[in-house]
PDB file of N, CA and C in Angstrom:
ATOM      1  N   GLU A   1     -23.712   7.296  -6.624  1.00  0.00           N
ATOM      2  CA  GLU A   1     -24.611   8.275  -7.215  1.00  0.00           C
ATOM      3  C   GLU A   1     -24.237   8.430  -8.681  1.00  0.00           C
ATOM      4  N   ALA A   2     -25.218   8.530  -9.514  1.00  0.00           N
ATOM      5  CA  ALA A   2     -24.982   8.660 -10.947  1.00  0.00           C
ATOM      6  C   ALA A   2     -24.282   9.978 -11.257  1.00  0.00           C
ATOM      7  N   GLY A   3     -23.383   9.942 -12.211  1.00  0.00           N
ATOM      8  CA  GLY A   3     -22.713  11.145 -12.659  1.00  0.00           C
ATOM      9  C   GLY A   3     -21.408  11.467 -11.954  1.00  0.00           C
ATOM     10  N   ILE A   4     -21.015  10.694 -10.939  1.00  0.00           N
ATOM     11  CA  ILE A   4     -19.759  10.939 -10.253  1.00  0.00           C
ATOM     12  C   ILE A   4     -18.792   9.820 -10.615  1.00  0.00           C
ATOM     13  N   ASP A   5     -17.770  10.158 -11.383  1.00  0.00           N
ATOM     14  CA  ASP A   5     -16.758   9.176 -11.766  1.00  0.00           C
ATOM     15  C   ASP A   5     -15.761   9.017 -10.631  1.00  0.00           C
ATOM     16  N   THR A   6     -15.572   7.775 -10.182  1.00  0.00           N
ATOM     17  CA  THR A   6     -14.642   7.488  -9.103  1.00  0.00           C
ATOM     18  C   THR A   6     -13.848   6.253  -9.450  1.00  0.00           C
ATOM     19  N   LYS A   7     -12.540   6.324  -9.271  1.00  0.00           N
ATOM     20  CA  LYS A   7     -11.667   5.175  -9.500  1.00  0.00           C
ATOM     21  C   LYS A   7     -10.905   4.896  -8.213  1.00  0.00           C
ATOM     22  N   VAL A   8     -11.059   3.684  -7.676  1.00  0.00           N
ATOM     23  CA  VAL A   8     -10.353   3.260  -6.473  1.00  0.00           C
ATOM     24  C   VAL A   8      -9.427   2.123  -6.867  1.00  0.00           C
ATOM     25  N   SER A   9      -8.140   2.274  -6.550  1.00  0.00           N
ATOM     26  CA  SER A   9      -7.140   1.235  -6.833  1.00  0.00           C
ATOM     27  C   SER A   9      -6.404   0.916  -5.548  1.00  0.00           C
ATOM     28  N   ILE A  10      -6.122  -0.368  -5.318  1.00  0.00           N
ATOM     29  CA  ILE A  10      -5.381  -0.789  -4.134  1.00  0.00           C
ATOM     30  C   ILE A  10      -4.163  -1.565  -4.596  1.00  0.00           C
ATOM     31  N   TYR A  11      -2.994  -1.158  -4.075  1.00  0.00           N
ATOM     32  CA  TYR A  11      -1.722  -1.733  -4.503  1.00  0.00           C
ATOM     33  C   TYR A  11      -0.976  -2.342  -3.325  1.00  0.00           C
ATOM     34  N   ALA A  12      -0.206  -3.376  -3.606  1.00  0.00           N
ATOM     35  CA  ALA A  12       0.685  -3.961  -2.600  1.00  0.00           C
ATOM     36  C   ALA A  12       2.123  -3.599  -2.944  1.00  0.00           C
ATOM     37  N   GLN A  13       2.282  -2.495  -3.668  1.00  0.00           N
ATOM     38  CA  GLN A  13       3.612  -2.018  -4.044  1.00  0.00           C
ATOM     39  C   GLN A  13       3.623  -0.498  -4.031  1.00  0.00           C
ATOM     40  N   GLY A  14       4.807   0.062  -3.927  1.00  0.00           N
ATOM     41  CA  GLY A  14       4.954   1.506  -3.937  1.00  0.00           C
ATOM     42  C   GLY A  14       4.811   2.063  -5.343  1.00  0.00           C
ATOM     43  N   ALA A  15       4.837   3.376  -5.460  1.00  0.00           N
ATOM     44  CA  ALA A  15       4.709   4.032  -6.757  1.00  0.00           C
ATOM     45  C   ALA A  15       5.847   3.663  -7.699  1.00  0.00           C
ATOM     46  N   ASN A  16       6.993   3.272  -7.131  1.00  0.00           N
ATOM     47  CA  ASN A  16       8.141   2.888  -7.948  1.00  0.00           C
ATOM     48  C   ASN A  16       8.074   1.435  -8.399  1.00  0.00           C
ATOM     49  N   GLY A  17       6.991   0.711  -8.051  1.00  0.00           N
ATOM     50  CA  GLY A  17       6.819  -0.678  -8.453  1.00  0.00           C
ATOM     51  C   GLY A  17       7.458  -1.689  -7.530  1.00  0.00           C
ATOM     52  N   VAL A  18       8.175  -1.208  -6.520  1.00  0.00           N
ATOM     53  CA  VAL A  18       8.831  -2.109  -5.573  1.00  0.00           C
ATOM     54  C   VAL A  18       7.779  -2.613  -4.579  1.00  0.00           C
ATOM     55  N   PRO A  19       7.708  -3.935  -4.371  1.00  0.00           N
ATOM     56  CA  PRO A  19       6.724  -4.462  -3.419  1.00  0.00           C
ATOM     57  C   PRO A  19       6.939  -3.893  -2.024  1.00  0.00           C
ATOM     58  N   LEU A  20       5.839  -3.761  -1.282  1.00  0.00           N
ATOM     59  CA  LEU A  20       5.923  -3.332   0.105  1.00  0.00           C
ATOM     60  C   LEU A  20       6.592  -4.441   0.907  1.00  0.00           C
ATOM     61  N   MET A  21       6.919  -4.155   2.157  1.00  0.00           N
ATOM     62  CA  MET A  21       7.623  -5.134   2.981  1.00  0.00           C
ATOM     63  C   MET A  21       6.905  -6.488   2.973  1.00  0.00           C
ATOM     64  N   GLU A  22       7.685  -7.549   2.901  1.00  0.00           N
ATOM     65  CA  GLU A  22       7.136  -8.886   2.915  1.00  0.00           C
ATOM     66  C   GLU A  22       6.327  -9.105   4.196  1.00  0.00           C
ATOM     67  N   ARG A  23       5.201  -9.745   4.079  1.00  0.00           N
ATOM     68  CA  ARG A  23       4.271 -10.048   5.176  1.00  0.00           C
ATOM     69  C   ARG A  23       3.631  -8.795   5.778  1.00  0.00           C
ATOM     70  N   SER A  24       3.804  -7.675   5.143  1.00  0.00           N
ATOM     71  CA  SER A  24       3.194  -6.440   5.633  1.00  0.00           C
ATOM     72  C   SER A  24       1.725  -6.407   5.234  1.00  0.00           C
ATOM     73  N   ARG A  25       0.905  -5.876   6.113  1.00  0.00           N
ATOM     74  CA  ARG A  25      -0.514  -5.695   5.790  1.00  0.00           C
ATOM     75  C   ARG A  25      -0.749  -4.324   5.156  1.00  0.00           C
ATOM     76  N   ASP A  26       0.322  -3.539   5.001  1.00  0.00           N
ATOM     77  CA  ASP A  26       0.188  -2.218   4.408  1.00  0.00           C
ATOM     78  C   ASP A  26      -0.267  -2.324   2.960  1.00  0.00           C
ATOM     79  N   ARG A  27      -1.085  -1.395   2.568  1.00  0.00           N
ATOM     80  CA  ARG A  27      -1.529  -1.287   1.187  1.00  0.00           C
ATOM     81  C   ARG A  27      -1.601   0.182   0.829  1.00  0.00           C
ATOM     82  N   VAL A  28      -1.445   0.466  -0.447  1.00  0.00           N
ATOM     83  CA  VAL A  28      -1.573   1.829  -0.956  1.00  0.00           C
ATOM     84  C   VAL A  28      -2.893   1.890  -1.711  1.00  0.00           C
ATOM     85  N   MET A  29      -3.756   2.831  -1.297  1.00  0.00           N
ATOM     86  CA  MET A  29      -5.045   2.988  -1.964  1.00  0.00           C
ATOM     87  C   MET A  29      -5.068   4.355  -2.631  1.00  0.00           C
ATOM     88  N   SER A  30      -5.437   4.359  -3.870  1.00  0.00           N
ATOM     89  CA  SER A  30      -5.553   5.592  -4.632  1.00  0.00           C
ATOM     90  C   SER A  30      -7.030   5.814  -4.948  1.00  0.00           C
ATOM     91  N   VAL A  31      -7.520   7.023  -4.660  1.00  0.00           N
ATOM     92  CA  VAL A  31      -8.901   7.377  -4.982  1.00  0.00           C
ATOM     93  C   VAL A  31      -8.845   8.608  -5.875  1.00  0.00           C
ATOM     94  N   GLN A  32      -9.334   8.452  -7.098  1.00  0.00           N
ATOM     95  CA  GLN A  32      -9.346   9.570  -8.042  1.00  0.00           C
ATOM     96  C   GLN A  32     -10.796   9.932  -8.309  1.00  0.00           C
ATOM     97  N   THR A  33     -11.183  11.123  -7.839  1.00  0.00           N
ATOM     98  CA  THR A  33     -12.577  11.517  -7.947  1.00  0.00           C
ATOM     99  C   THR A  33     -12.743  12.984  -7.554  1.00  0.00           C
ATOM    100  N   SER A  34     -13.964  13.434  -7.521  1.00  0.00           N
ATOM    101  CA  SER A  34     -14.294  14.769  -7.023  1.00  0.00           C
ATOM    102  C   SER A  34     -14.432  14.705  -5.500  1.00  0.00           C
ATOM    103  N   PHE A  35     -14.625  15.853  -4.868  1.00  0.00           N
ATOM    104  CA  PHE A  35     -14.827  15.890  -3.421  1.00  0.00           C
ATOM    105  C   PHE A  35     -16.047  15.059  -3.028  1.00  0.00           C
ATOM    106  N   GLU A  36     -17.131  15.199  -3.792  1.00  0.00           N
ATOM    107  CA  GLU A  36     -18.347  14.441  -3.501  1.00  0.00           C
ATOM    108  C   GLU A  36     -18.106  12.941  -3.671  1.00  0.00           C
ATOM    109  N   GLY A  37     -17.354  12.570  -4.694  1.00  0.00           N
ATOM    110  CA  GLY A  37     -17.037  11.164  -4.921  1.00  0.00           C
ATOM    111  C   GLY A  37     -16.171  10.596  -3.810  1.00  0.00           C
ATOM    112  N   LEU A  38     -15.230  11.403  -3.303  1.00  0.00           N
ATOM    113  CA  LEU A  38     -14.378  10.959  -2.194  1.00  0.00           C
ATOM    114  C   LEU A  38     -15.220  10.713  -0.952  1.00  0.00           C
ATOM    115  N   ASP A  39     -16.145  11.611  -0.677  1.00  0.00           N
ATOM    116  CA  ASP A  39     -17.023  11.452   0.476  1.00  0.00           C
ATOM    117  C   ASP A  39     -17.809  10.142   0.369  1.00  0.00           C
ATOM    118  N   MET A  40     -18.347   9.860  -0.811  1.00  0.00           N
ATOM    119  CA  MET A  40     -19.103   8.630  -1.018  1.00  0.00           C
ATOM    120  C   MET A  40     -18.202   7.400  -0.907  1.00  0.00           C
ATOM    121  N   ALA A  41     -17.006   7.477  -1.479  1.00  0.00           N
ATOM    122  CA  ALA A  41     -16.074   6.344  -1.425  1.00  0.00           C
ATOM    123  C   ALA A  41     -15.679   6.040   0.015  1.00  0.00           C
ATOM    124  N   LEU A  42     -15.407   7.075   0.801  1.00  0.00           N
ATOM    125  CA  LEU A  42     -15.027   6.863   2.198  1.00  0.00           C
ATOM    126  C   LEU A  42     -16.176   6.278   3.014  1.00  0.00           C
ATOM    127  N   GLU A  43     -17.413   6.669   2.697  1.00  0.00           N
ATOM    128  CA  GLU A  43     -18.565   6.086   3.385  1.00  0.00           C
ATOM    129  C   GLU A  43     -18.642   4.582   3.163  1.00  0.00           C
ATOM    130  N   VAL A  44     -18.285   4.136   1.967  1.00  0.00           N
ATOM    131  CA  VAL A  44     -18.319   2.704   1.642  1.00  0.00           C
ATOM    132  C   VAL A  44     -17.077   1.992   2.173  1.00  0.00           C
ATOM    133  N   LEU A  45     -15.897   2.608   2.009  1.00  0.00           N
ATOM    134  CA  LEU A  45     -14.639   1.939   2.332  1.00  0.00           C
ATOM    135  C   LEU A  45     -14.332   1.873   3.826  1.00  0.00           C
ATOM    136  N   THR A  46     -14.693   2.904   4.585  1.00  0.00           N
ATOM    137  CA  THR A  46     -14.337   2.940   6.010  1.00  0.00           C
ATOM    138  C   THR A  46     -14.883   1.747   6.790  1.00  0.00           C
ATOM    139  N   PRO A  47     -16.167   1.395   6.657  1.00  0.00           N
ATOM    140  CA  PRO A  47     -16.634   0.205   7.386  1.00  0.00           C
ATOM    141  C   PRO A  47     -15.904  -1.076   6.964  1.00  0.00           C
ATOM    142  N   LEU A  48     -15.543  -1.179   5.691  1.00  0.00           N
ATOM    143  CA  LEU A  48     -14.812  -2.361   5.226  1.00  0.00           C
ATOM    144  C   LEU A  48     -13.416  -2.425   5.836  1.00  0.00           C
ATOM    145  N   LEU A  49     -12.748  -1.278   5.918  1.00  0.00           N
ATOM    146  CA  LEU A  49     -11.422  -1.234   6.534  1.00  0.00           C
ATOM    147  C   LEU A  49     -11.511  -1.581   8.011  1.00  0.00           C
ATOM    148  N   GLN A  50     -12.518  -1.068   8.686  1.00  0.00           N
ATOM    149  CA  GLN A  50     -12.680  -1.351  10.109  1.00  0.00           C
ATOM    150  C   GLN A  50     -13.021  -2.821  10.333  1.00  0.00           C
ATOM    151  N   ARG A  51     -13.829  -3.392   9.476  1.00  0.00           N
ATOM    152  CA  ARG A  51     -14.185  -4.806   9.600  1.00  0.00           C
ATOM    153  C   ARG A  51     -12.949  -5.683   9.444  1.00  0.00           C
ATOM    154  N   ASP A  52     -12.138  -5.404   8.416  1.00  0.00           N
ATOM    155  CA  ASP A  52     -10.923  -6.184   8.180  1.00  0.00           C
ATOM    156  C   ASP A  52      -9.920  -5.998   9.309  1.00  0.00           C
ATOM    157  N   ARG A  53      -9.864  -4.816   9.874  1.00  0.00           N
ATOM    158  CA  ARG A  53      -8.937  -4.553  10.963  1.00  0.00           C
ATOM    159  C   ARG A  53      -9.288  -5.383  12.195  1.00  0.00           C
ATOM    160  N   ASN A  54     -10.564  -5.615  12.414  1.00  0.00           N
ATOM    161  CA  ASN A  54     -11.006  -6.358  13.594  1.00  0.00           C
ATOM    162  C   ASN A  54     -10.722  -7.854  13.497  1.00  0.00           C
ATOM    163  N   LYS A  55     -10.315  -8.335  12.340  1.00  0.00           N
ATOM    164  CA  LYS A  55     -10.014  -9.756  12.173  1.00  0.00           C
ATOM    165  C   LYS A  55      -8.600 -10.046  12.659  1.00  0.00           C
ATOM    166  N   GLY A  56      -8.472 -10.544  13.873  1.00  0.00           N
ATOM    167  CA  GLY A  56      -7.192 -11.030  14.370  1.00  0.00           C
ATOM    168  C   GLY A  56      -6.163 -10.003  14.764  1.00  0.00           C
ATOM    169  N   GLN A  57      -6.510  -8.740  14.881  1.00  0.00           N
ATOM    170  CA  GLN A  57      -5.506  -7.751  15.245  1.00  0.00           C
ATOM    171  C   GLN A  57      -5.648  -7.270  16.685  1.00  0.00           C
ATOM    172  N   GLY A  58      -6.594  -7.821  17.414  1.00  0.00           N
ATOM    173  CA  GLY A  58      -6.733  -7.453  18.824  1.00  0.00           C
ATOM    174  C   GLY A  58      -7.022  -5.980  19.005  1.00  0.00           C
ATOM    175  N   SER A  59      -6.288  -5.347  19.908  1.00  0.00           N
ATOM    176  CA  SER A  59      -6.537  -3.948  20.232  1.00  0.00           C
ATOM    177  C   SER A  59      -5.665  -2.984  19.421  1.00  0.00           C
ATOM    178  N   GLN A  60      -4.924  -3.493  18.449  1.00  0.00           N
ATOM    179  CA  GLN A  60      -4.069  -2.627  17.642  1.00  0.00           C
ATOM    180  C   GLN A  60      -4.929  -1.641  16.846  1.00  0.00           C
ATOM    181  N   LYS A  61      -4.560  -0.363  16.908  1.00  0.00           N
ATOM    182  CA  LYS A  61      -5.319   0.662  16.210  1.00  0.00           C
ATOM    183  C   LYS A  61      -4.936   0.694  14.730  1.00  0.00           C
ATOM    184  N   MET A  62      -5.932   0.943  13.895  1.00  0.00           N
ATOM    185  CA  MET A  62      -5.693   1.088  12.468  1.00  0.00           C
ATOM    186  C   MET A  62      -5.076   2.466  12.224  1.00  0.00           C
ATOM    187  N   GLU A  63      -4.147   2.536  11.306  1.00  0.00           N
ATOM    188  CA  GLU A  63      -3.536   3.813  10.959  1.00  0.00           C
ATOM    189  C   GLU A  63      -3.694   4.046   9.473  1.00  0.00           C
ATOM    190  N   LEU A  64      -4.146   5.240   9.119  1.00  0.00           N
ATOM    191  CA  LEU A  64      -4.241   5.663   7.732  1.00  0.00           C
ATOM    192  C   LEU A  64      -3.246   6.787   7.515  1.00  0.00           C
ATOM    193  N   ARG A  65      -2.548   6.736   6.412  1.00  0.00           N
ATOM    194  CA  ARG A  65      -1.668   7.827   6.011  1.00  0.00           C
ATOM    195  C   ARG A  65      -2.143   8.305   4.653  1.00  0.00           C
ATOM    196  N   LEU A  66      -2.610   9.538   4.628  1.00  0.00           N
ATOM    197  CA  LEU A  66      -3.168  10.115   3.410  1.00  0.00           C
ATOM    198  C   LEU A  66      -2.173  11.083   2.790  1.00  0.00           C
ATOM    199  N   MET A  67      -2.083  11.064   1.479  1.00  0.00           N
ATOM    200  CA  MET A  67      -1.297  12.064   0.764  1.00  0.00           C
ATOM    201  C   MET A  67      -2.283  13.128   0.297  1.00  0.00           C
ATOM    202  N   VAL A  68      -2.096  14.336   0.804  1.00  0.00           N
ATOM    203  CA  VAL A  68      -3.044  15.421   0.571  1.00  0.00           C
ATOM    204  C   VAL A  68      -2.326  16.562  -0.147  1.00  0.00           C
ATOM    205  N   PRO A  69      -2.915  17.098  -1.223  1.00  0.00           N
ATOM    206  CA  PRO A  69      -2.294  18.248  -1.887  1.00  0.00           C
ATOM    207  C   PRO A  69      -2.087  19.400  -0.898  1.00  0.00           C
ATOM    208  N   ALA A  70      -0.974  20.079  -1.026  1.00  0.00           N
ATOM    209  CA  ALA A  70      -0.605  21.150  -0.090  1.00  0.00           C
ATOM    210  C   ALA A  70      -1.715  22.193   0.052  1.00  0.00           C
ATOM    211  N   HIS A  71      -2.381  22.528  -1.044  1.00  0.00           N
ATOM    212  CA  HIS A  71      -3.412  23.577  -0.971  1.00  0.00           C
ATOM    213  C   HIS A  71      -4.655  23.135  -0.201  1.00  0.00           C
ATOM    214  N   CYS A  72      -4.772  21.847   0.130  1.00  0.00           N
ATOM    215  CA  CYS A  72      -5.927  21.351   0.891  1.00  0.00           C
ATOM    216  C   CYS A  72      -5.651  21.252   2.391  1.00  0.00           C
ATOM    217  N   CYS A  73      -4.389  21.326   2.790  1.00  0.00           N
ATOM    218  CA  CYS A  73      -4.035  21.139   4.198  1.00  0.00           C
ATOM    219  C   CYS A  73      -4.665  22.189   5.107  1.00  0.00           C
ATOM    220  N   SER A  74      -4.747  23.416   4.645  1.00  0.00           N
ATOM    221  CA  SER A  74      -5.328  24.460   5.497  1.00  0.00           C
ATOM    222  C   SER A  74      -6.803  24.187   5.775  1.00  0.00           C
ATOM    223  N   ALA A  75      -7.511  23.553   4.831  1.00  0.00           N
ATOM    224  CA  ALA A  75      -8.916  23.212   5.054  1.00  0.00           C
ATOM    225  C   ALA A  75      -9.047  22.116   6.112  1.00  0.00           C
ATOM    226  N   ILE A  76      -8.071  21.223   6.194  1.00  0.00           N
ATOM    227  CA  ILE A  76      -8.097  20.155   7.202  1.00  0.00           C
ATOM    228  C   ILE A  76      -7.804  20.739   8.581  1.00  0.00           C
ATOM    229  N   ILE A  77      -6.860  21.662   8.632  1.00  0.00           N
ATOM    230  CA  ILE A  77      -6.467  22.256   9.914  1.00  0.00           C
ATOM    231  C   ILE A  77      -7.510  23.259  10.395  1.00  0.00           C
ATOM    232  N   GLY A  78      -7.962  24.139   9.517  1.00  0.00           N
ATOM    233  CA  GLY A  78      -8.941  25.158   9.892  1.00  0.00           C
ATOM    234  C   GLY A  78      -8.292  26.333  10.593  1.00  0.00           C
ATOM    235  N   LYS A  79      -9.082  27.373  10.798  1.00  0.00           N
ATOM    236  CA  LYS A  79      -8.583  28.585  11.447  1.00  0.00           C
ATOM    237  C   LYS A  79      -8.211  28.264  12.888  1.00  0.00           C
ATOM    238  N   SER A  80      -6.967  28.531  13.237  1.00  0.00           N
ATOM    239  CA  SER A  80      -6.422  28.259  14.574  1.00  0.00           C
ATOM    240  C   SER A  80      -6.592  26.796  14.986  1.00  0.00           C
ATOM    241  N   GLY A  81      -6.640  25.888  14.005  1.00  0.00           N
ATOM    242  CA  GLY A  81      -6.733  24.468  14.308  1.00  0.00           C
ATOM    243  C   GLY A  81      -8.136  23.986  14.658  1.00  0.00           C
ATOM    244  N   SER A  82      -9.154  24.805  14.383  1.00  0.00           N
ATOM    245  CA  SER A  82     -10.519  24.470  14.815  1.00  0.00           C
ATOM    246  C   SER A  82     -11.083  23.231  14.122  1.00  0.00           C
ATOM    247  N   VAL A  83     -10.838  23.061  12.824  1.00  0.00           N
ATOM    248  CA  VAL A  83     -11.407  21.923  12.100  1.00  0.00           C
ATOM    249  C   VAL A  83     -10.781  20.609  12.571  1.00  0.00           C
ATOM    250  N   ILE A  84      -9.457  20.585  12.629  1.00  0.00           N
ATOM    251  CA  ILE A  84      -8.787  19.351  13.038  1.00  0.00           C
ATOM    252  C   ILE A  84      -9.123  19.003  14.486  1.00  0.00           C
ATOM    253  N   LYS A  85      -9.292  20.014  15.335  1.00  0.00           N
ATOM    254  CA  LYS A  85      -9.667  19.762  16.732  1.00  0.00           C
ATOM    255  C   LYS A  85     -11.056  19.131  16.802  1.00  0.00           C
ATOM    256  N   ASN A  86     -12.000  19.653  16.014  1.00  0.00           N
ATOM    257  CA  ASN A  86     -13.347  19.082  15.995  1.00  0.00           C
ATOM    258  C   ASN A  86     -13.333  17.637  15.502  1.00  0.00           C
ATOM    259  N   ILE A  87     -12.554  17.370  14.468  1.00  0.00           N
ATOM    260  CA  ILE A  87     -12.460  16.001  13.950  1.00  0.00           C
ATOM    261  C   ILE A  87     -11.883  15.077  15.012  1.00  0.00           C
ATOM    262  N   LYS A  88     -10.825  15.529  15.677  1.00  0.00           N
ATOM    263  CA  LYS A  88     -10.215  14.722  16.743  1.00  0.00           C
ATOM    264  C   LYS A  88     -11.215  14.435  17.860  1.00  0.00           C
ATOM    265  N   ASP A  89     -11.951  15.465  18.281  1.00  0.00           N
ATOM    266  CA  ASP A  89     -12.917  15.311  19.371  1.00  0.00           C
ATOM    267  C   ASP A  89     -14.062  14.367  18.984  1.00  0.00           C
ATOM    268  N   GLU A  90     -14.584  14.524  17.764  1.00  0.00           N
ATOM    269  CA  GLU A  90     -15.713  13.707  17.322  1.00  0.00           C
ATOM    270  C   GLU A  90     -15.329  12.252  17.090  1.00  0.00           C
ATOM    271  N   THR A  91     -14.130  12.006  16.599  1.00  0.00           N
ATOM    272  CA  THR A  91     -13.738  10.638  16.224  1.00  0.00           C
ATOM    273  C   THR A  91     -12.830   9.970  17.246  1.00  0.00           C
ATOM    274  N   LYS A  92     -12.377  10.729  18.243  1.00  0.00           N
ATOM    275  CA  LYS A  92     -11.423  10.196  19.237  1.00  0.00           C
ATOM    276  C   LYS A  92     -10.169   9.654  18.543  1.00  0.00           C
ATOM    277  N   SER A  93      -9.757  10.340  17.511  1.00  0.00           N
ATOM    278  CA  SER A  93      -8.594   9.934  16.718  1.00  0.00           C
ATOM    279  C   SER A  93      -7.409  10.851  16.968  1.00  0.00           C
ATOM    280  N   TYR A  94      -6.228  10.315  16.683  1.00  0.00           N
ATOM    281  CA  TYR A  94      -5.008  11.112  16.664  1.00  0.00           C
ATOM    282  C   TYR A  94      -4.803  11.506  15.214  1.00  0.00           C
ATOM    283  N   ILE A  95      -4.658  12.795  14.943  1.00  0.00           N
ATOM    284  CA  ILE A  95      -4.473  13.268  13.577  1.00  0.00           C
ATOM    285  C   ILE A  95      -3.270  14.184  13.538  1.00  0.00           C
ATOM    286  N   GLN A  96      -2.383  13.923  12.597  1.00  0.00           N
ATOM    287  CA  GLN A  96      -1.180  14.741  12.438  1.00  0.00           C
ATOM    288  C   GLN A  96      -1.037  15.129  10.974  1.00  0.00           C
ATOM    289  N   VAL A  97      -0.905  16.422  10.716  1.00  0.00           N
ATOM    290  CA  VAL A  97      -0.642  16.922   9.371  1.00  0.00           C
ATOM    291  C   VAL A  97       0.839  17.281   9.321  1.00  0.00           C
ATOM    292  N   TYR A  98       1.599  16.569   8.514  1.00  0.00           N
ATOM    293  CA  TYR A  98       3.036  16.830   8.416  1.00  0.00           C
ATOM    294  C   TYR A  98       3.271  18.161   7.716  1.00  0.00           C
ATOM    295  N   THR A  99       4.195  18.947   8.263  1.00  0.00           N
ATOM    296  CA  THR A  99       4.428  20.286   7.727  1.00  0.00           C
ATOM    297  C   THR A  99       5.288  20.276   6.465  1.00  0.00           C
ATOM    298  N   LEU A 100       6.160  19.302   6.342  1.00  0.00           N
ATOM    299  CA  LEU A 100       7.023  19.233   5.154  1.00  0.00           C
ATOM    300  C   LEU A 100       6.368  18.371   4.083  1.00  0.00           C
ATOM    301  N   PRO A 101       6.459  18.794   2.814  1.00  0.00           N
ATOM    302  CA  PRO A 101       5.884  17.973   1.741  1.00  0.00           C
ATOM    303  C   PRO A 101       6.724  16.716   1.496  1.00  0.00           C
ATOM    304  N   LEU A 102       6.118  15.763   0.834  1.00  0.00           N
ATOM    305  CA  LEU A 102       6.844  14.564   0.429  1.00  0.00           C
ATOM    306  C   LEU A 102       7.936  14.961  -0.561  1.00  0.00           C
ATOM    307  N   PRO A 103       9.019  14.190  -0.644  1.00  0.00           N
ATOM    308  CA  PRO A 103      10.102  14.529  -1.577  1.00  0.00           C
ATOM    309  C   PRO A 103       9.592  14.652  -3.013  1.00  0.00           C
ATOM    310  N   ASN A 104      10.045  15.673  -3.695  1.00  0.00           N
ATOM    311  CA  ASN A 104       9.689  15.920  -5.093  1.00  0.00           C
ATOM    312  C   ASN A 104       8.181  15.949  -5.311  1.00  0.00           C
ATOM    313  N   SER A 105       7.467  16.554  -4.375  1.00  0.00           N
ATOM    314  CA  SER A 105       6.017  16.540  -4.430  1.00  0.00           C
ATOM    315  C   SER A 105       5.460  17.814  -3.799  1.00  0.00           C
ATOM    316  N   GLU A 106       4.218  18.080  -4.085  1.00  0.00           N
ATOM    317  CA  GLU A 106       3.505  19.162  -3.419  1.00  0.00           C
ATOM    318  C   GLU A 106       2.429  18.590  -2.505  1.00  0.00           C
ATOM    319  N   GLU A 107       2.626  17.346  -2.090  1.00  0.00           N
ATOM    320  CA  GLU A 107       1.664  16.689  -1.216  1.00  0.00           C
ATOM    321  C   GLU A 107       2.247  16.501   0.176  1.00  0.00           C
ATOM    322  N   HIS A 108       1.378  16.570   1.164  1.00  0.00           N
ATOM    323  CA  HIS A 108       1.755  16.373   2.561  1.00  0.00           C
ATOM    324  C   HIS A 108       1.075  15.102   3.068  1.00  0.00           C
ATOM    325  N   VAL A 109       1.669  14.493   4.076  1.00  0.00           N
ATOM    326  CA  VAL A 109       1.073  13.318   4.686  1.00  0.00           C
ATOM    327  C   VAL A 109       0.185  13.759   5.845  1.00  0.00           C
ATOM    328  N   VAL A 110      -1.012  13.180   5.897  1.00  0.00           N
ATOM    329  CA  VAL A 110      -1.912  13.346   7.035  1.00  0.00           C
ATOM    330  C   VAL A 110      -2.050  11.960   7.641  1.00  0.00           C
ATOM    331  N   ARG A 111      -1.645  11.838   8.895  1.00  0.00           N
ATOM    332  CA  ARG A 111      -1.652  10.548   9.603  1.00  0.00           C
ATOM    333  C   ARG A 111      -2.832  10.512  10.554  1.00  0.00           C
ATOM    334  N   ILE A 112      -3.632   9.469  10.450  1.00  0.00           N
ATOM    335  CA  ILE A 112      -4.819   9.303  11.300  1.00  0.00           C
ATOM    336  C   ILE A 112      -4.727   7.958  12.002  1.00  0.00           C
ATOM    337  N   ARG A 113      -4.875   8.002  13.313  1.00  0.00           N
ATOM    338  CA  ARG A 113      -4.829   6.763  14.085  1.00  0.00           C
ATOM    339  C   ARG A 113      -5.930   6.779  15.126  1.00  0.00           C
TER     340      ARG A 113
END
């Protein structure tokens, strides 16, 4: 959509520049955008990730680990866990919001499988 600046970067190395494990299929994806831009980016990227996952991986489930700012975690969980429960029910996914932030960060990991 016009007017929404979005930058998507995919890395085969950590933030410290050290390559990820050899022969690992893990990648780090950074999406810098507004909420609306993130929604649009995920609409485009999710089918591509699912398509690539289906190539030669059999029944292995894809796992996403998201780094989410601490102030956004409550919106993912919802009142008494209602939002995360609805997401789990609708997508048949396992979702875990880690309670402790990443070291030297105000971001938490959200694991989706």
